[in-house]
Amino acid sequence: MKIVHFGLICLLLTTVSACAALHQPAEIRLVRLDNGIIEDAKTGLQWQHDRSPNPFDTQEKAAEYASSLELGGYHDWRLPTLGERWDLLQVFVLKKNHGVDFPRFASKYWTKETDKGTQPIKLDITCLCQGTKDIEYKNEGYVRAVRGLATDGGH
């Protein structure tokens, strides 16, 4: 019974925050830097603009690509958490990207973790008002690396 109540509370909070965000004045979330990096002004995270050239079939290979990436003079790239990837998707859904787009954003990507083990995922929002999301699991995926402190406690 507690799980049901917790789930309903989470759903309500997601709905309220999403609806409130729709009625707030537009904030600039994404800023294109001139070195192949997109910065999220709210979280401070920096994202690789272009995805990896090739997909990877294991999370280990994807993480190795991210950690060996040298972009914009930085060497501390990593796989994003599922929460960071979800937050980035919401920036586009809520139209707070201000003309900044990521090439092939809808592709399947690796994250640090998923809720189904180590598989790359493709995220999509099915109904913003209900706070529901679709996660499509794949056997291989690309990397869009991120740098900065994890914004969601590693989840």
N, C-alpha and C. Protein backbone atom coordinates (compact mmCIF):
# COMPACT_ATOMS: atom_id res chain seq x y z
N MET A 1 0.82 -1.19 0.00
CA MET A 1 0.00 0.00 0.00
C MET A 1 0.87 1.26 0.00
N LYS A 2 2.00 1.22 0.76
CA LYS A 2 2.90 2.37 0.80
C LYS A 2 3.51 2.63 -0.56
N ILE A 3 3.79 1.56 -1.31
CA ILE A 3 4.38 1.72 -2.64
C ILE A 3 3.40 2.44 -3.57
N VAL A 4 2.13 2.10 -3.48
CA VAL A 4 1.10 2.75 -4.31
C VAL A 4 1.02 4.23 -3.96
N HIS A 5 1.01 4.55 -2.66
CA HIS A 5 0.95 5.95 -2.25
C HIS A 5 2.18 6.71 -2.71
N PHE A 6 3.36 6.09 -2.57
CA PHE A 6 4.59 6.72 -3.01
C PHE A 6 4.55 6.99 -4.51
N GLY A 7 4.07 6.00 -5.27
CA GLY A 7 3.96 6.16 -6.71
C GLY A 7 3.01 7.28 -7.10
N LEU A 8 1.90 7.38 -6.41
CA LEU A 8 0.94 8.45 -6.69
C LEU A 8 1.51 9.82 -6.34
N ILE A 9 2.25 9.89 -5.24
CA ILE A 9 2.88 11.16 -4.86
C ILE A 9 3.91 11.57 -5.90
N CYS A 10 4.71 10.62 -6.36
CA CYS A 10 5.72 10.92 -7.39
C CYS A 10 5.05 11.39 -8.67
N LEU A 11 3.97 10.73 -9.05
CA LEU A 11 3.24 11.11 -10.26
C LEU A 11 2.67 12.52 -10.11
N LEU A 12 2.11 12.82 -8.96
CA LEU A 12 1.55 14.14 -8.72
C LEU A 12 2.63 15.21 -8.76
N LEU A 13 3.76 14.97 -8.11
CA LEU A 13 4.85 15.94 -8.12
C LEU A 13 5.41 16.17 -9.52
N THR A 14 5.54 15.11 -10.28
CA THR A 14 6.03 15.23 -11.65
C THR A 14 5.07 16.06 -12.49
N THR A 15 3.79 15.80 -12.34
CA THR A 15 2.77 16.53 -13.10
C THR A 15 2.76 18.00 -12.72
N VAL A 16 2.80 18.29 -11.43
CA VAL A 16 2.78 19.68 -10.97
C VAL A 16 4.01 20.42 -11.45
N SER A 17 5.19 19.81 -11.32
CA SER A 17 6.41 20.51 -11.75
C SER A 17 6.45 20.70 -13.26
N ALA A 18 5.96 19.73 -14.01
CA ALA A 18 5.94 19.86 -15.47
C ALA A 18 4.97 20.95 -15.90
N CYS A 19 3.80 20.98 -15.30
CA CYS A 19 2.81 22.00 -15.66
C CYS A 19 3.28 23.38 -15.24
N ALA A 20 3.91 23.48 -14.08
CA ALA A 20 4.44 24.77 -13.63
C ALA A 20 5.53 25.25 -14.58
N ALA A 21 6.36 24.34 -15.05
CA ALA A 21 7.44 24.70 -15.96
C ALA A 21 6.90 25.24 -17.28
N LEU A 22 5.75 24.74 -17.70
CA LEU A 22 5.16 25.20 -18.95
C LEU A 22 4.70 26.65 -18.86
N HIS A 23 4.42 27.13 -17.66
CA HIS A 23 3.89 28.48 -17.49
C HIS A 23 4.92 29.47 -16.97
N GLN A 24 6.15 29.04 -16.81
CA GLN A 24 7.20 29.94 -16.36
C GLN A 24 7.81 30.64 -17.56
N PRO A 25 8.34 31.84 -17.34
CA PRO A 25 9.03 32.51 -18.45
C PRO A 25 10.21 31.66 -18.91
N ALA A 26 10.48 31.75 -20.19
CA ALA A 26 11.54 30.92 -20.77
C ALA A 26 12.88 31.27 -20.15
N GLU A 27 13.59 30.25 -19.72
CA GLU A 27 14.94 30.43 -19.23
C GLU A 27 15.89 29.83 -20.25
N ILE A 28 17.05 30.41 -20.37
CA ILE A 28 18.04 29.86 -21.29
C ILE A 28 18.72 28.70 -20.59
N ARG A 29 18.51 27.51 -21.11
CA ARG A 29 19.09 26.32 -20.51
C ARG A 29 20.35 25.89 -21.23
N LEU A 30 20.31 25.88 -22.57
CA LEU A 30 21.44 25.35 -23.34
C LEU A 30 22.19 26.47 -24.05
N VAL A 31 23.50 26.43 -23.92
CA VAL A 31 24.36 27.42 -24.55
C VAL A 31 25.40 26.67 -25.37
N ARG A 32 25.48 27.03 -26.65
CA ARG A 32 26.47 26.40 -27.53
C ARG A 32 27.82 27.08 -27.33
N LEU A 33 28.80 26.29 -26.92
CA LEU A 33 30.16 26.79 -26.82
C LEU A 33 30.83 26.53 -28.16
N ASP A 34 31.89 27.23 -28.47
CA ASP A 34 32.50 27.09 -29.80
C ASP A 34 33.53 25.97 -29.89
N ASN A 35 33.44 24.99 -29.00
CA ASN A 35 34.42 23.91 -29.00
C ASN A 35 33.78 22.52 -29.06
N GLY A 36 32.58 22.44 -29.64
CA GLY A 36 31.92 21.14 -29.74
C GLY A 36 31.20 20.72 -28.48
N ILE A 37 30.96 21.69 -27.60
CA ILE A 37 30.33 21.42 -26.32
C ILE A 37 29.06 22.26 -26.17
N ILE A 38 28.04 21.67 -25.56
CA ILE A 38 26.82 22.38 -25.21
C ILE A 38 26.76 22.41 -23.68
N GLU A 39 26.56 23.59 -23.12
CA GLU A 39 26.50 23.71 -21.66
C GLU A 39 25.07 23.95 -21.21
N ASP A 40 24.68 23.25 -20.15
CA ASP A 40 23.37 23.44 -19.53
C ASP A 40 23.56 24.50 -18.45
N ALA A 41 22.97 25.68 -18.66
CA ALA A 41 23.16 26.80 -17.75
C ALA A 41 22.55 26.53 -16.37
N LYS A 42 21.57 25.67 -16.29
CA LYS A 42 20.93 25.38 -15.00
C LYS A 42 21.76 24.39 -14.17
N THR A 43 22.21 23.32 -14.80
CA THR A 43 22.91 22.27 -14.06
C THR A 43 24.42 22.44 -14.06
N GLY A 44 24.95 23.21 -15.03
CA GLY A 44 26.39 23.35 -15.16
C GLY A 44 27.05 22.21 -15.91
N LEU A 45 26.26 21.21 -16.31
CA LEU A 45 26.81 20.09 -17.06
C LEU A 45 27.20 20.54 -18.47
N GLN A 46 28.25 19.94 -18.99
CA GLN A 46 28.65 20.18 -20.37
C GLN A 46 28.48 18.88 -21.13
N TRP A 47 27.82 18.96 -22.28
CA TRP A 47 27.49 17.80 -23.10
C TRP A 47 28.28 17.82 -24.39
N GLN A 48 28.69 16.65 -24.81
CA GLN A 48 29.31 16.47 -26.13
C GLN A 48 28.24 16.77 -27.17
N HIS A 49 28.51 17.70 -28.08
CA HIS A 49 27.49 18.06 -29.08
C HIS A 49 27.23 16.90 -30.04
N ASP A 50 28.28 16.37 -30.63
CA ASP A 50 28.13 15.23 -31.55
C ASP A 50 28.23 13.94 -30.76
N ARG A 51 27.47 12.95 -31.17
CA ARG A 51 27.55 11.66 -30.49
C ARG A 51 28.80 10.92 -30.96
N SER A 52 29.06 9.80 -30.34
CA SER A 52 30.18 8.96 -30.78
C SER A 52 29.95 8.57 -32.24
N PRO A 53 31.02 8.41 -33.01
CA PRO A 53 30.84 8.07 -34.42
C PRO A 53 30.22 6.69 -34.64
N ASN A 54 30.47 5.78 -33.71
CA ASN A 54 29.97 4.41 -33.86
C ASN A 54 29.24 3.98 -32.58
N PRO A 55 28.30 3.04 -32.73
CA PRO A 55 27.66 2.50 -31.53
C PRO A 55 28.56 1.49 -30.83
N PHE A 56 28.27 1.23 -29.57
CA PHE A 56 29.02 0.26 -28.77
C PHE A 56 28.07 -0.84 -28.31
N ASP A 57 28.61 -2.07 -28.20
CA ASP A 57 27.76 -3.19 -27.83
C ASP A 57 27.86 -3.56 -26.35
N THR A 58 28.73 -2.88 -25.60
CA THR A 58 28.79 -3.09 -24.15
C THR A 58 28.93 -1.76 -23.45
N GLN A 59 28.47 -1.72 -22.21
CA GLN A 59 28.59 -0.51 -21.42
C GLN A 59 30.05 -0.20 -21.12
N GLU A 60 30.86 -1.23 -20.96
CA GLU A 60 32.28 -1.02 -20.69
C GLU A 60 32.96 -0.28 -21.84
N LYS A 61 32.68 -0.69 -23.08
CA LYS A 61 33.26 -0.02 -24.24
C LYS A 61 32.76 1.41 -24.35
N ALA A 62 31.48 1.61 -24.05
CA ALA A 62 30.91 2.97 -24.10
C ALA A 62 31.57 3.86 -23.04
N ALA A 63 31.75 3.34 -21.84
CA ALA A 63 32.38 4.11 -20.76
C ALA A 63 33.84 4.41 -21.09
N GLU A 64 34.50 3.45 -21.72
CA GLU A 64 35.90 3.66 -22.12
C GLU A 64 36.00 4.77 -23.15
N TYR A 65 35.07 4.79 -24.13
CA TYR A 65 35.05 5.87 -25.12
C TYR A 65 34.90 7.22 -24.41
N ALA A 66 33.93 7.30 -23.51
CA ALA A 66 33.66 8.57 -22.82
C ALA A 66 34.87 9.02 -22.01
N SER A 67 35.47 8.12 -21.27
CA SER A 67 36.59 8.52 -20.40
C SER A 67 37.86 8.85 -21.20
N SER A 68 37.96 8.35 -22.43
CA SER A 68 39.14 8.68 -23.24
C SER A 68 38.89 9.86 -24.19
N LEU A 69 37.68 10.41 -24.16
CA LEU A 69 37.34 11.52 -25.04
C LEU A 69 38.13 12.77 -24.65
N GLU A 70 38.72 13.40 -25.65
CA GLU A 70 39.39 14.69 -25.47
C GLU A 70 38.62 15.69 -26.31
N LEU A 71 37.88 16.56 -25.65
CA LEU A 71 37.03 17.52 -26.35
C LEU A 71 37.08 18.85 -25.62
N GLY A 72 37.34 19.91 -26.36
CA GLY A 72 37.37 21.25 -25.78
C GLY A 72 38.46 21.46 -24.76
N GLY A 73 39.50 20.63 -24.82
CA GLY A 73 40.59 20.73 -23.85
C GLY A 73 40.30 20.02 -22.54
N TYR A 74 39.19 19.28 -22.48
CA TYR A 74 38.82 18.56 -21.26
C TYR A 74 39.04 17.06 -21.44
N HIS A 75 39.38 16.40 -20.36
CA HIS A 75 39.65 14.96 -20.38
C HIS A 75 38.83 14.21 -19.33
N ASP A 76 37.83 14.87 -18.75
CA ASP A 76 37.06 14.25 -17.67
C ASP A 76 35.63 13.92 -18.07
N TRP A 77 35.46 13.40 -19.28
CA TRP A 77 34.14 13.04 -19.79
C TRP A 77 33.71 11.69 -19.22
N ARG A 78 32.42 11.48 -19.13
CA ARG A 78 31.85 10.25 -18.58
C ARG A 78 30.50 9.98 -19.22
N LEU A 79 29.96 8.79 -18.94
CA LEU A 79 28.59 8.48 -19.35
C LEU A 79 27.64 9.24 -18.45
N PRO A 80 26.55 9.76 -19.00
CA PRO A 80 25.57 10.44 -18.14
C PRO A 80 24.76 9.43 -17.33
N THR A 81 24.19 9.92 -16.25
CA THR A 81 23.25 9.08 -15.50
C THR A 81 21.92 9.08 -16.24
N LEU A 82 21.07 8.16 -15.90
CA LEU A 82 19.74 8.11 -16.50
C LEU A 82 18.98 9.40 -16.19
N GLY A 83 19.12 9.90 -14.97
CA GLY A 83 18.45 11.15 -14.59
C GLY A 83 18.93 12.34 -15.39
N GLU A 84 20.23 12.42 -15.66
CA GLU A 84 20.77 13.52 -16.46
C GLU A 84 20.25 13.45 -17.89
N ARG A 85 20.19 12.26 -18.43
CA ARG A 85 19.68 12.08 -19.79
C ARG A 85 18.19 12.45 -19.85
N TRP A 86 17.45 12.05 -18.83
CA TRP A 86 16.02 12.38 -18.76
C TRP A 86 15.83 13.90 -18.65
N ASP A 87 16.65 14.57 -17.84
CA ASP A 87 16.56 16.02 -17.68
C ASP A 87 16.85 16.72 -19.00
N LEU A 88 17.85 16.25 -19.73
CA LEU A 88 18.18 16.85 -21.02
C LEU A 88 17.02 16.70 -22.00
N LEU A 89 16.37 15.55 -21.99
CA LEU A 89 15.21 15.34 -22.86
C LEU A 89 14.10 16.33 -22.52
N GLN A 90 13.88 16.57 -21.25
CA GLN A 90 12.82 17.49 -20.84
C GLN A 90 13.09 18.92 -21.30
N VAL A 91 14.37 19.30 -21.41
CA VAL A 91 14.71 20.63 -21.92
C VAL A 91 14.12 20.80 -23.32
N PHE A 92 14.20 19.77 -24.13
CA PHE A 92 13.67 19.85 -25.49
C PHE A 92 12.14 19.77 -25.51
N VAL A 93 11.57 18.94 -24.67
CA VAL A 93 10.12 18.81 -24.61
C VAL A 93 9.48 20.13 -24.16
N LEU A 94 10.10 20.78 -23.18
CA LEU A 94 9.58 22.04 -22.67
C LEU A 94 10.04 23.24 -23.50
N LYS A 95 10.74 22.95 -24.59
CA LYS A 95 11.20 23.95 -25.55
C LYS A 95 12.06 25.03 -24.89
N LYS A 96 12.99 24.59 -24.05
CA LYS A 96 13.92 25.51 -23.40
C LYS A 96 15.31 25.40 -24.00
N ASN A 97 15.39 24.82 -25.21
CA ASN A 97 16.68 24.63 -25.85
C ASN A 97 17.13 25.86 -26.64
N HIS A 98 16.25 26.81 -26.89
CA HIS A 98 16.57 28.07 -27.55
C HIS A 98 17.39 27.89 -28.82
N GLY A 99 16.94 27.00 -29.68
CA GLY A 99 17.59 26.81 -30.97
C GLY A 99 18.79 25.90 -30.96
N VAL A 100 19.20 25.42 -29.80
CA VAL A 100 20.33 24.49 -29.72
C VAL A 100 19.79 23.08 -29.91
N ASP A 101 20.31 22.39 -30.88
CA ASP A 101 19.89 21.02 -31.14
C ASP A 101 21.09 20.09 -31.09
N PHE A 102 20.81 18.85 -30.76
CA PHE A 102 21.82 17.81 -30.78
C PHE A 102 21.56 16.94 -32.01
N PRO A 103 22.59 16.65 -32.80
CA PRO A 103 22.39 15.75 -33.94
C PRO A 103 21.95 14.38 -33.46
N ARG A 104 20.96 13.83 -34.13
CA ARG A 104 20.46 12.47 -33.85
C ARG A 104 20.15 12.26 -32.36
N PHE A 105 19.45 13.23 -31.77
CA PHE A 105 19.13 13.19 -30.35
C PHE A 105 18.25 12.00 -29.98
N ALA A 106 17.39 11.58 -30.90
CA ALA A 106 16.44 10.52 -30.60
C ALA A 106 17.04 9.12 -30.67
N SER A 107 18.30 9.01 -30.99
CA SER A 107 18.94 7.69 -31.08
C SER A 107 19.02 7.03 -29.70
N LYS A 108 19.46 5.79 -29.71
CA LYS A 108 19.67 5.07 -28.45
C LYS A 108 21.06 5.39 -27.92
N TYR A 109 21.14 5.62 -26.58
CA TYR A 109 22.39 6.04 -25.96
C TYR A 109 22.64 5.25 -24.68
N TRP A 110 23.91 5.10 -24.38
CA TRP A 110 24.31 4.48 -23.13
C TRP A 110 24.20 5.49 -22.00
N THR A 111 23.82 5.00 -20.83
CA THR A 111 23.87 5.79 -19.61
C THR A 111 24.69 5.01 -18.59
N LYS A 112 25.01 5.66 -17.51
CA LYS A 112 25.79 5.02 -16.45
C LYS A 112 25.05 3.82 -15.89
N GLU A 113 23.73 3.92 -15.84
CA GLU A 113 22.88 2.82 -15.37
C GLU A 113 21.54 2.95 -16.08
N THR A 114 20.80 1.89 -16.07
CA THR A 114 19.41 1.95 -16.52
C THR A 114 18.61 1.20 -15.48
N ASP A 115 17.31 1.23 -15.61
CA ASP A 115 16.50 0.49 -14.65
C ASP A 115 16.31 -0.96 -15.07
N LYS A 116 17.08 -1.41 -16.06
CA LYS A 116 16.99 -2.79 -16.53
C LYS A 116 18.38 -3.36 -16.78
N GLY A 117 19.33 -2.99 -15.96
CA GLY A 117 20.68 -3.52 -16.14
C GLY A 117 21.49 -2.68 -17.11
N THR A 118 22.43 -3.31 -17.75
CA THR A 118 23.34 -2.58 -18.63
C THR A 118 22.93 -2.73 -20.08
N GLN A 119 21.99 -1.91 -20.48
CA GLN A 119 21.56 -1.84 -21.88
C GLN A 119 21.42 -0.38 -22.26
N PRO A 120 21.78 -0.02 -23.48
CA PRO A 120 21.55 1.36 -23.91
C PRO A 120 20.05 1.58 -24.06
N ILE A 121 19.63 2.83 -23.94
CA ILE A 121 18.21 3.13 -23.99
C ILE A 121 17.92 4.28 -24.94
N LYS A 122 16.68 4.30 -25.38
CA LYS A 122 16.15 5.42 -26.12
C LYS A 122 15.01 5.96 -25.27
N LEU A 123 15.12 7.21 -24.85
CA LEU A 123 14.09 7.82 -24.02
C LEU A 123 13.09 8.57 -24.86
N ASP A 124 11.85 8.58 -24.42
CA ASP A 124 10.81 9.35 -25.07
C ASP A 124 9.76 9.67 -24.03
N ILE A 125 9.11 10.79 -24.17
CA ILE A 125 8.02 11.14 -23.27
C ILE A 125 6.72 10.84 -23.98
N THR A 126 5.88 10.02 -23.36
CA THR A 126 4.61 9.66 -23.99
C THR A 126 3.52 10.66 -23.65
N CYS A 127 3.48 11.13 -22.43
CA CYS A 127 2.47 12.11 -22.04
C CYS A 127 3.04 12.95 -20.93
N LEU A 128 3.40 14.17 -21.23
CA LEU A 128 4.01 15.05 -20.24
C LEU A 128 3.06 15.30 -19.07
N CYS A 129 1.78 15.43 -19.35
CA CYS A 129 0.82 15.74 -18.28
C CYS A 129 0.72 14.63 -17.25
N GLN A 130 0.96 13.39 -17.67
CA GLN A 130 0.88 12.29 -16.73
C GLN A 130 2.26 11.92 -16.19
N GLY A 131 3.29 12.57 -16.69
CA GLY A 131 4.64 12.30 -16.21
C GLY A 131 5.16 10.94 -16.63
N THR A 132 4.59 10.36 -17.66
CA THR A 132 5.02 9.03 -18.09
C THR A 132 6.13 9.15 -19.11
N LYS A 133 6.93 8.11 -19.17
CA LYS A 133 8.03 8.09 -20.13
C LYS A 133 8.13 6.70 -20.73
N ASP A 134 8.67 6.66 -21.91
CA ASP A 134 8.95 5.38 -22.56
C ASP A 134 10.46 5.18 -22.56
N ILE A 135 10.86 3.98 -22.24
CA ILE A 135 12.26 3.61 -22.34
C ILE A 135 12.32 2.40 -23.25
N GLU A 136 12.99 2.54 -24.35
CA GLU A 136 13.15 1.45 -25.31
C GLU A 136 14.57 0.92 -25.16
N TYR A 137 14.69 -0.35 -24.84
CA TYR A 137 16.00 -0.96 -24.62
C TYR A 137 16.56 -1.52 -25.92
N LYS A 138 17.86 -1.38 -26.10
CA LYS A 138 18.53 -1.82 -27.32
C LYS A 138 19.75 -2.67 -26.95
N ASN A 139 20.33 -3.31 -27.96
CA ASN A 139 21.53 -4.13 -27.75
C ASN A 139 22.82 -3.36 -27.94
N GLU A 140 22.76 -2.26 -28.66
CA GLU A 140 23.94 -1.41 -28.80
C GLU A 140 23.48 0.03 -28.89
N GLY A 141 24.39 0.93 -28.52
CA GLY A 141 24.00 2.34 -28.52
C GLY A 141 25.21 3.25 -28.63
N TYR A 142 24.91 4.51 -28.86
CA TYR A 142 25.92 5.54 -29.02
C TYR A 142 26.25 6.16 -27.66
N VAL A 143 27.24 7.03 -27.66
CA VAL A 143 27.60 7.77 -26.45
C VAL A 143 27.47 9.25 -26.75
N ARG A 144 26.80 9.97 -25.88
CA ARG A 144 26.86 11.43 -25.84
C ARG A 144 27.38 11.73 -24.45
N ALA A 145 28.68 11.97 -24.38
CA ALA A 145 29.37 12.11 -23.10
C ALA A 145 29.01 13.43 -22.42
N VAL A 146 29.20 13.43 -21.11
CA VAL A 146 28.91 14.60 -20.29
C VAL A 146 30.07 14.80 -19.32
N ARG A 147 30.24 16.01 -18.87
CA ARG A 147 31.23 16.29 -17.83
C ARG A 147 30.61 17.22 -16.81
N GLY A 148 31.09 17.10 -15.60
CA GLY A 148 30.56 17.89 -14.49
C GLY A 148 30.06 16.95 -13.41
N LEU A 149 29.73 17.52 -12.28
CA LEU A 149 29.22 16.72 -11.16
C LEU A 149 27.85 16.18 -11.47
N ALA A 150 27.62 14.93 -11.11
CA ALA A 150 26.30 14.32 -11.33
C ALA A 150 25.26 15.16 -10.62
N THR A 151 24.18 15.46 -11.32
CA THR A 151 23.15 16.37 -10.78
C THR A 151 22.02 15.61 -10.09
N ASP A 152 22.06 14.30 -10.11
CA ASP A 152 20.93 13.55 -9.54
C ASP A 152 21.39 12.47 -8.56
N GLY A 153 22.49 12.68 -7.94
CA GLY A 153 22.97 11.72 -6.97
C GLY A 153 23.42 10.41 -7.56
N GLY A 154 23.69 10.39 -8.88
CA GLY A 154 24.15 9.17 -9.53
C GLY A 154 23.04 8.24 -9.97
N HIS A 155 21.79 8.68 -9.88
CA HIS A 155 20.65 7.84 -10.29
C HIS A 155 20.14 8.27 -11.63
